[in-house]
């Protein structure tokens, strides 16, 4: 989180290490489109003069809310 994250970091977490260069490029393209969508919604921003991204304050609160909803039981979500 401190140093930010790159397309490669996300790609390895989602798809694992792939030796096929064609498949690696496709996976990188998929991640690039998702990163562009997150940037458009203001959840992440590019760190200047790098290829790294970091969460915005809006992104941190949104991700925290999504994690809480994901970890909550259905009865807790209905009661809220």
PDB file of N, CA and C in Angstrom:
ATOM      1  N   UNK A   1       0.821  -1.192   0.000  1.00  0.00           N
ATOM      2  CA  UNK A   1       0.000   0.000   0.000  1.00  0.00           C
ATOM      3  C   UNK A   1       0.864   1.254   0.000  1.00  0.00           C
ATOM      4  N   UNK A   2       1.952   1.256   0.727  1.00  0.00           N
ATOM      5  CA  UNK A   2       2.779   2.455   0.812  1.00  0.00           C
ATOM      6  C   UNK A   2       3.409   2.772  -0.534  1.00  0.00           C
ATOM      7  N   UNK A   3       3.951   1.760  -1.207  1.00  0.00           N
ATOM      8  CA  UNK A   3       4.623   1.977  -2.485  1.00  0.00           C
ATOM      9  C   UNK A   3       3.647   1.987  -3.651  1.00  0.00           C
ATOM     10  N   UNK A   4       2.394   1.696  -3.427  1.00  0.00           N
ATOM     11  CA  UNK A   4       1.421   1.612  -4.504  1.00  0.00           C
ATOM     12  C   UNK A   4       1.435   0.228  -5.135  1.00  0.00           C
ATOM     13  N   UNK A   5       0.706   0.081  -6.222  1.00  0.00           N
ATOM     14  CA  UNK A   5       0.636  -1.201  -6.914  1.00  0.00           C
ATOM     15  C   UNK A   5       0.705  -0.964  -8.410  1.00  0.00           C
ATOM     16  N   UNK A   6       1.130  -1.995  -9.122  1.00  0.00           N
ATOM     17  CA  UNK A   6       1.284  -1.918 -10.579  1.00  0.00           C
ATOM     18  C   UNK A   6       0.331  -2.899 -11.238  1.00  0.00           C
ATOM     19  N   UNK A   7       0.212  -2.770 -12.536  1.00  0.00           N
ATOM     20  CA  UNK A   7      -0.577  -3.713 -13.328  1.00  0.00           C
ATOM     21  C   UNK A   7      -0.039  -5.118 -13.095  1.00  0.00           C
ATOM     22  N   UNK A   8       1.277  -5.275 -13.096  1.00  0.00           N
ATOM     23  CA  UNK A   8       1.892  -6.585 -12.920  1.00  0.00           C
ATOM     24  C   UNK A   8       1.514  -7.213 -11.570  1.00  0.00           C
ATOM     25  N   UNK A   9       1.461  -6.401 -10.518  1.00  0.00           N
ATOM     26  CA  UNK A   9       1.097  -6.922  -9.202  1.00  0.00           C
ATOM     27  C   UNK A   9      -0.325  -7.486  -9.206  1.00  0.00           C
ATOM     28  N   UNK A  10      -1.236  -6.751  -9.801  1.00  0.00           N
ATOM     29  CA  UNK A  10      -2.633  -7.191  -9.865  1.00  0.00           C
ATOM     30  C   UNK A  10      -2.754  -8.428 -10.755  1.00  0.00           C
ATOM     31  N   UNK A  11      -2.064  -8.406 -11.897  1.00  0.00           N
ATOM     32  CA  UNK A  11      -2.125  -9.538 -12.828  1.00  0.00           C
ATOM     33  C   UNK A  11      -1.623 -10.817 -12.175  1.00  0.00           C
ATOM     34  N   UNK A  12      -0.524 -10.740 -11.446  1.00  0.00           N
ATOM     35  CA  UNK A  12      -0.003 -11.935 -10.773  1.00  0.00           C
ATOM     36  C   UNK A  12      -0.959 -12.435  -9.694  1.00  0.00           C
ATOM     37  N   UNK A  13      -1.607 -11.509  -8.987  1.00  0.00           N
ATOM     38  CA  UNK A  13      -2.551 -11.909  -7.936  1.00  0.00           C
ATOM     39  C   UNK A  13      -3.795 -12.571  -8.523  1.00  0.00           C
ATOM     40  N   UNK A  14      -4.262 -12.078  -9.666  1.00  0.00           N
ATOM     41  CA  UNK A  14      -5.481 -12.616 -10.257  1.00  0.00           C
ATOM     42  C   UNK A  14      -5.243 -13.877 -11.078  1.00  0.00           C
ATOM     43  N   UNK A  15      -4.199 -13.862 -11.907  1.00  0.00           N
ATOM     44  CA  UNK A  15      -4.012 -14.933 -12.885  1.00  0.00           C
ATOM     45  C   UNK A  15      -2.821 -15.836 -12.593  1.00  0.00           C
ATOM     46  N   UNK A  16      -1.947 -15.456 -11.681  1.00  0.00           N
ATOM     47  CA  UNK A  16      -0.758 -16.254 -11.421  1.00  0.00           C
ATOM     48  C   UNK A  16       0.323 -15.980 -12.450  1.00  0.00           C
ATOM     49  N   UNK A  17       1.445 -16.670 -12.305  1.00  0.00           N
ATOM     50  CA  UNK A  17       2.573 -16.473 -13.209  1.00  0.00           C
ATOM     51  C   UNK A  17       2.366 -17.309 -14.461  1.00  0.00           C
ATOM     52  N   UNK A  18       2.302 -16.657 -15.605  1.00  0.00           N
ATOM     53  CA  UNK A  18       2.060 -17.334 -16.870  1.00  0.00           C
ATOM     54  C   UNK A  18       3.297 -17.201 -17.750  1.00  0.00           C
ATOM     55  N   UNK A  19       3.738 -18.285 -18.347  1.00  0.00           N
ATOM     56  CA  UNK A  19       4.936 -18.246 -19.183  1.00  0.00           C
ATOM     57  C   UNK A  19       4.626 -17.902 -20.634  1.00  0.00           C
ATOM     58  N   UNK A  20       3.382 -18.065 -21.061  1.00  0.00           N
ATOM     59  CA  UNK A  20       2.997 -17.764 -22.445  1.00  0.00           C
ATOM     60  C   UNK A  20       2.860 -16.248 -22.611  1.00  0.00           C
ATOM     61  N   UNK A  21       3.667 -15.669 -23.502  1.00  0.00           N
ATOM     62  CA  UNK A  21       3.682 -14.209 -23.647  1.00  0.00           C
ATOM     63  C   UNK A  21       2.369 -13.667 -24.206  1.00  0.00           C
ATOM     64  N   UNK A  22       1.716 -14.406 -25.088  1.00  0.00           N
ATOM     65  CA  UNK A  22       0.440 -13.958 -25.640  1.00  0.00           C
ATOM     66  C   UNK A  22      -0.629 -13.892 -24.545  1.00  0.00           C
ATOM     67  N   UNK A  23      -0.673 -14.915 -23.738  1.00  0.00           N
ATOM     68  CA  UNK A  23      -1.651 -14.944 -22.645  1.00  0.00           C
ATOM     69  C   UNK A  23      -1.341 -13.853 -21.614  1.00  0.00           C
ATOM     70  N   UNK A  24      -0.073 -13.603 -21.354  1.00  0.00           N
ATOM     71  CA  UNK A  24       0.327 -12.568 -20.404  1.00  0.00           C
ATOM     72  C   UNK A  24      -0.132 -11.195 -20.895  1.00  0.00           C
ATOM     73  N   UNK A  25      -0.012 -10.955 -22.201  1.00  0.00           N
ATOM     74  CA  UNK A  25      -0.457  -9.669 -22.766  1.00  0.00           C
ATOM     75  C   UNK A  25      -1.967  -9.514 -22.655  1.00  0.00           C
ATOM     76  N   UNK A  26      -2.712 -10.581 -22.893  1.00  0.00           N
ATOM     77  CA  UNK A  26      -4.174 -10.519 -22.749  1.00  0.00           C
ATOM     78  C   UNK A  26      -4.574 -10.211 -21.318  1.00  0.00           C
ATOM     79  N   UNK A  27      -3.905 -10.883 -20.384  1.00  0.00           N
ATOM     80  CA  UNK A  27      -4.204 -10.648 -18.974  1.00  0.00           C
ATOM     81  C   UNK A  27      -3.865  -9.214 -18.577  1.00  0.00           C
ATOM     82  N   UNK A  28      -2.741  -8.693 -19.060  1.00  0.00           N
ATOM     83  CA  UNK A  28      -2.352  -7.315 -18.774  1.00  0.00           C
ATOM     84  C   UNK A  28      -3.378  -6.339 -19.354  1.00  0.00           C
ATOM     85  N   UNK A  29      -3.908  -6.645 -20.530  1.00  0.00           N
ATOM     86  CA  UNK A  29      -4.942  -5.807 -21.124  1.00  0.00           C
ATOM     87  C   UNK A  29      -6.215  -5.793 -20.302  1.00  0.00           C
ATOM     88  N   UNK A  30      -6.597  -6.950 -19.784  1.00  0.00           N
ATOM     89  CA  UNK A  30      -7.787  -7.026 -18.931  1.00  0.00           C
ATOM     90  C   UNK A  30      -7.611  -6.182 -17.678  1.00  0.00           C
ATOM     91  N   UNK A  31      -6.436  -6.292 -17.061  1.00  0.00           N
ATOM     92  CA  UNK A  31      -6.167  -5.522 -15.849  1.00  0.00           C
ATOM     93  C   UNK A  31      -6.122  -4.026 -16.181  1.00  0.00           C
ATOM     94  N   UNK A  32      -5.545  -3.655 -17.311  1.00  0.00           N
ATOM     95  CA  UNK A  32      -5.473  -2.245 -17.714  1.00  0.00           C
ATOM     96  C   UNK A  32      -6.863  -1.638 -17.843  1.00  0.00           C
ATOM     97  N   UNK A  33      -7.789  -2.376 -18.429  1.00  0.00           N
ATOM     98  CA  UNK A  33      -9.155  -1.871 -18.563  1.00  0.00           C
ATOM     99  C   UNK A  33      -9.820  -1.689 -17.195  1.00  0.00           C
ATOM    100  N   UNK A  34      -9.581  -2.610 -16.286  1.00  0.00           N
ATOM    101  CA  UNK A  34     -10.155  -2.469 -14.940  1.00  0.00           C
ATOM    102  C   UNK A  34      -9.535  -1.292 -14.197  1.00  0.00           C
ATOM    103  N   UNK A  35      -8.225  -1.095 -14.351  1.00  0.00           N
ATOM    104  CA  UNK A  35      -7.569   0.047 -13.712  1.00  0.00           C
ATOM    105  C   UNK A  35      -8.107   1.362 -14.276  1.00  0.00           C
ATOM    106  N   UNK A  36      -8.340   1.415 -15.566  1.00  0.00           N
ATOM    107  CA  UNK A  36      -8.900   2.619 -16.184  1.00  0.00           C
ATOM    108  C   UNK A  36     -10.297   2.910 -15.642  1.00  0.00           C
ATOM    109  N   UNK A  37     -11.077   1.871 -15.428  1.00  0.00           N
ATOM    110  CA  UNK A  37     -12.417   2.039 -14.870  1.00  0.00           C
ATOM    111  C   UNK A  37     -12.347   2.560 -13.430  1.00  0.00           C
ATOM    112  N   UNK A  38     -11.435   2.014 -12.644  1.00  0.00           N
ATOM    113  CA  UNK A  38     -11.273   2.489 -11.270  1.00  0.00           C
ATOM    114  C   UNK A  38     -10.791   3.935 -11.236  1.00  0.00           C
ATOM    115  N   UNK A  39      -9.913   4.308 -12.174  1.00  0.00           N
ATOM    116  CA  UNK A  39      -9.457   5.697 -12.250  1.00  0.00           C
ATOM    117  C   UNK A  39     -10.609   6.614 -12.645  1.00  0.00           C
ATOM    118  N   UNK A  40     -11.437   6.174 -13.573  1.00  0.00           N
ATOM    119  CA  UNK A  40     -12.569   6.996 -14.021  1.00  0.00           C
ATOM    120  C   UNK A  40     -13.557   7.249 -12.883  1.00  0.00           C
ATOM    121  N   UNK A  41     -13.688   6.287 -11.993  1.00  0.00           N
ATOM    122  CA  UNK A  41     -14.591   6.446 -10.845  1.00  0.00           C
ATOM    123  C   UNK A  41     -13.923   7.139  -9.668  1.00  0.00           C
ATOM    124  N   UNK A  42     -12.642   7.461  -9.793  1.00  0.00           N
ATOM    125  CA  UNK A  42     -11.945   8.199  -8.741  1.00  0.00           C
ATOM    126  C   UNK A  42     -11.546   7.353  -7.556  1.00  0.00           C
ATOM    127  N   UNK A  43     -11.454   6.037  -7.720  1.00  0.00           N
ATOM    128  CA  UNK A  43     -11.078   5.173  -6.611  1.00  0.00           C
ATOM    129  C   UNK A  43      -9.564   4.980  -6.505  1.00  0.00           C
ATOM    130  N   UNK A  44      -8.857   5.122  -7.625  1.00  0.00           N
ATOM    131  CA  UNK A  44      -7.400   5.057  -7.618  1.00  0.00           C
ATOM    132  C   UNK A  44      -6.862   6.237  -8.416  1.00  0.00           C
ATOM    133  N   UNK A  45      -5.592   6.560  -8.179  1.00  0.00           N
ATOM    134  CA  UNK A  45      -4.936   7.606  -8.965  1.00  0.00           C
ATOM    135  C   UNK A  45      -3.521   7.159  -9.281  1.00  0.00           C
ATOM    136  N   UNK A  46      -3.002   7.711 -10.366  1.00  0.00           N
ATOM    137  CA  UNK A  46      -1.656   7.377 -10.808  1.00  0.00           C
ATOM    138  C   UNK A  46      -0.656   8.165  -9.979  1.00  0.00           C
ATOM    139  N   UNK A  47       0.416   7.522  -9.542  1.00  0.00           N
ATOM    140  CA  UNK A  47       1.500   8.216  -8.860  1.00  0.00           C
ATOM    141  C   UNK A  47       2.340   8.877  -9.955  1.00  0.00           C
ATOM    142  N   UNK A  48       2.552  10.182  -9.878  1.00  0.00           N
ATOM    143  CA  UNK A  48       3.251  10.885 -10.958  1.00  0.00           C
ATOM    144  C   UNK A  48       4.633  10.296 -11.268  1.00  0.00           C
ATOM    145  N   UNK A  49       4.955  10.255 -12.541  1.00  0.00           N
ATOM    146  CA  UNK A  49       6.230   9.790 -13.088  1.00  0.00           C
ATOM    147  C   UNK A  49       6.536   8.334 -12.752  1.00  0.00           C
ATOM    148  N   UNK A  50       5.519   7.525 -12.510  1.00  0.00           N
ATOM    149  CA  UNK A  50       5.700   6.091 -12.274  1.00  0.00           C
ATOM    150  C   UNK A  50       4.600   5.337 -13.000  1.00  0.00           C
ATOM    151  N   UNK A  51       4.680   4.038 -12.930  1.00  0.00           N
ATOM    152  CA  UNK A  51       3.609   3.190 -13.458  1.00  0.00           C
ATOM    153  C   UNK A  51       2.825   2.564 -12.319  1.00  0.00           C
ATOM    154  N   UNK A  52       2.814   3.220 -11.195  1.00  0.00           N
ATOM    155  CA  UNK A  52       2.140   2.720 -10.000  1.00  0.00           C
ATOM    156  C   UNK A  52       0.868   3.525  -9.729  1.00  0.00           C
ATOM    157  N   UNK A  53      -0.037   2.886  -9.005  1.00  0.00           N
ATOM    158  CA  UNK A  53      -1.290   3.504  -8.616  1.00  0.00           C
ATOM    159  C   UNK A  53      -1.418   3.435  -7.104  1.00  0.00           C
ATOM    160  N   UNK A  54      -2.250   4.328  -6.555  1.00  0.00           N
ATOM    161  CA  UNK A  54      -2.572   4.282  -5.132  1.00  0.00           C
ATOM    162  C   UNK A  54      -4.053   4.585  -4.954  1.00  0.00           C
ATOM    163  N   UNK A  55      -4.594   4.135  -3.843  1.00  0.00           N
ATOM    164  CA  UNK A  55      -6.000   4.393  -3.543  1.00  0.00           C
ATOM    165  C   UNK A  55      -6.198   5.848  -3.146  1.00  0.00           C
ATOM    166  N   UNK A  56      -7.307   6.417  -3.556  1.00  0.00           N
ATOM    167  CA  UNK A  56      -7.681   7.751  -3.097  1.00  0.00           C
ATOM    168  C   UNK A  56      -8.405   7.603  -1.761  1.00  0.00           C
ATOM    169  N   UNK A  57      -8.695   8.710  -1.118  1.00  0.00           N
ATOM    170  CA  UNK A  57      -9.457   8.638   0.143  1.00  0.00           C
ATOM    171  C   UNK A  57     -10.844   8.063  -0.092  1.00  0.00           C
ATOM    172  N   UNK A  58     -11.441   8.423  -1.211  1.00  0.00           N
ATOM    173  CA  UNK A  58     -12.736   7.853  -1.578  1.00  0.00           C
ATOM    174  C   UNK A  58     -12.592   6.346  -1.828  1.00  0.00           C
ATOM    175  N   UNK A  59     -11.504   5.940  -2.442  1.00  0.00           N
ATOM    176  CA  UNK A  59     -11.252   4.530  -2.708  1.00  0.00           C
ATOM    177  C   UNK A  59     -11.075   3.724  -1.438  1.00  0.00           C
ATOM    178  N   UNK A  60     -10.374   4.291  -0.465  1.00  0.00           N
ATOM    179  CA  UNK A  60     -10.155   3.589   0.808  1.00  0.00           C
ATOM    180  C   UNK A  60     -11.480   3.360   1.518  1.00  0.00           C
ATOM    181  N   UNK A  61     -12.329   4.397   1.579  1.00  0.00           N
ATOM    182  CA  UNK A  61     -13.616   4.241   2.268  1.00  0.00           C
ATOM    183  C   UNK A  61     -14.546   3.294   1.508  1.00  0.00           C
ATOM    184  N   UNK A  62     -14.515   3.339   0.189  1.00  0.00           N
ATOM    185  CA  UNK A  62     -15.351   2.447  -0.614  1.00  0.00           C
ATOM    186  C   UNK A  62     -14.921   1.001  -0.451  1.00  0.00           C
ATOM    187  N   UNK A  63     -13.625   0.752  -0.484  1.00  0.00           N
ATOM    188  CA  UNK A  63     -13.120  -0.618  -0.344  1.00  0.00           C
ATOM    189  C   UNK A  63     -13.404  -1.146   1.066  1.00  0.00           C
ATOM    190  N   UNK A  64     -13.273  -0.287   2.067  1.00  0.00           N
ATOM    191  CA  UNK A  64     -13.580  -0.710   3.437  1.00  0.00           C
ATOM    192  C   UNK A  64     -15.055  -1.094   3.571  1.00  0.00           C
ATOM    193  N   UNK A  65     -15.945  -0.307   2.960  1.00  0.00           N
ATOM    194  CA  UNK A  65     -17.376  -0.614   3.008  1.00  0.00           C
ATOM    195  C   UNK A  65     -17.682  -1.913   2.270  1.00  0.00           C
ATOM    196  N   UNK A  66     -17.052  -2.125   1.122  1.00  0.00           N
ATOM    197  CA  UNK A  66     -17.265  -3.364   0.369  1.00  0.00           C
ATOM    198  C   UNK A  66     -16.748  -4.583   1.140  1.00  0.00           C
ATOM    199  N   UNK A  67     -15.607  -4.446   1.791  1.00  0.00           N
ATOM    200  CA  UNK A  67     -15.064  -5.550   2.599  1.00  0.00           C
ATOM    201  C   UNK A  67     -15.989  -5.871   3.772  1.00  0.00           C
ATOM    202  N   UNK A  68     -16.518  -4.831   4.414  1.00  0.00           N
ATOM    203  CA  UNK A  68     -17.433  -5.050   5.532  1.00  0.00           C
ATOM    204  C   UNK A  68     -18.701  -5.754   5.059  1.00  0.00           C
ATOM    205  N   UNK A  69     -19.241  -5.341   3.928  1.00  0.00           N
ATOM    206  CA  UNK A  69     -20.441  -5.981   3.393  1.00  0.00           C
ATOM    207  C   UNK A  69     -20.151  -7.419   2.982  1.00  0.00           C
ATOM    208  N   UNK A  70     -18.986  -7.660   2.424  1.00  0.00           N
ATOM    209  CA  UNK A  70     -18.603  -9.012   2.005  1.00  0.00           C
ATOM    210  C   UNK A  70     -18.462  -9.945   3.205  1.00  0.00           C
ATOM    211  N   UNK A  71     -17.923  -9.430   4.295  1.00  0.00           N
ATOM    212  CA  UNK A  71     -17.686 -10.247   5.485  1.00  0.00           C
ATOM    213  C   UNK A  71     -18.908 -10.368   6.389  1.00  0.00           C
ATOM    214  N   UNK A  72     -19.926  -9.530   6.177  1.00  0.00           N
ATOM    215  CA  UNK A  72     -21.119  -9.556   7.023  1.00  0.00           C
ATOM    216  C   UNK A  72     -22.031 -10.716   6.625  1.00  0.00           C
ATOM    217  N   UNK A  73     -22.824 -11.141   7.581  1.00  0.00           N
ATOM    218  CA  UNK A  73     -23.829 -12.169   7.307  1.00  0.00           C
ATOM    219  C   UNK A  73     -25.069 -11.500   6.723  1.00  0.00           C
ATOM    220  N   UNK A  74     -25.877 -12.278   6.035  1.00  0.00           N
ATOM    221  CA  UNK A  74     -27.079 -11.743   5.388  1.00  0.00           C
ATOM    222  C   UNK A  74     -28.020 -11.108   6.399  1.00  0.00           C
ATOM    223  N   UNK A  75     -28.159 -11.696   7.570  1.00  0.00           N
ATOM    224  CA  UNK A  75     -29.057 -11.146   8.589  1.00  0.00           C
ATOM    225  C   UNK A  75     -28.564  -9.761   9.065  1.00  0.00           C
ATOM    226  N   UNK A  76     -27.231  -9.592   9.140  1.00  0.00           N
ATOM    227  CA  UNK A  76     -26.690  -8.277   9.531  1.00  0.00           C
ATOM    228  C   UNK A  76     -26.960  -7.233   8.452  1.00  0.00           C
ATOM    229  N   UNK A  77     -26.877  -7.641   7.199  1.00  0.00           N
ATOM    230  CA  UNK A  77     -27.112  -6.698   6.118  1.00  0.00           C
ATOM    231  C   UNK A  77     -28.580  -6.302   6.037  1.00  0.00           C
ATOM    232  N   UNK A  78     -29.482  -7.237   6.301  1.00  0.00           N
ATOM    233  CA  UNK A  78     -30.917  -6.941   6.274  1.00  0.00           C
ATOM    234  C   UNK A  78     -31.298  -6.015   7.428  1.00  0.00           C
ATOM    235  N   UNK A  79     -30.689  -6.234   8.602  1.00  0.00           N
ATOM    236  CA  UNK A  79     -31.001  -5.433   9.781  1.00  0.00           C
ATOM    237  C   UNK A  79     -30.499  -3.996   9.636  1.00  0.00           C
ATOM    238  N   UNK A  80     -29.496  -3.781   8.847  1.00  0.00           N
ATOM    239  CA  UNK A  80     -28.918  -2.434   8.713  1.00  0.00           C
ATOM    240  C   UNK A  80     -29.731  -1.605   7.830  1.00  0.00           C
TER     241      UNK A  80
END
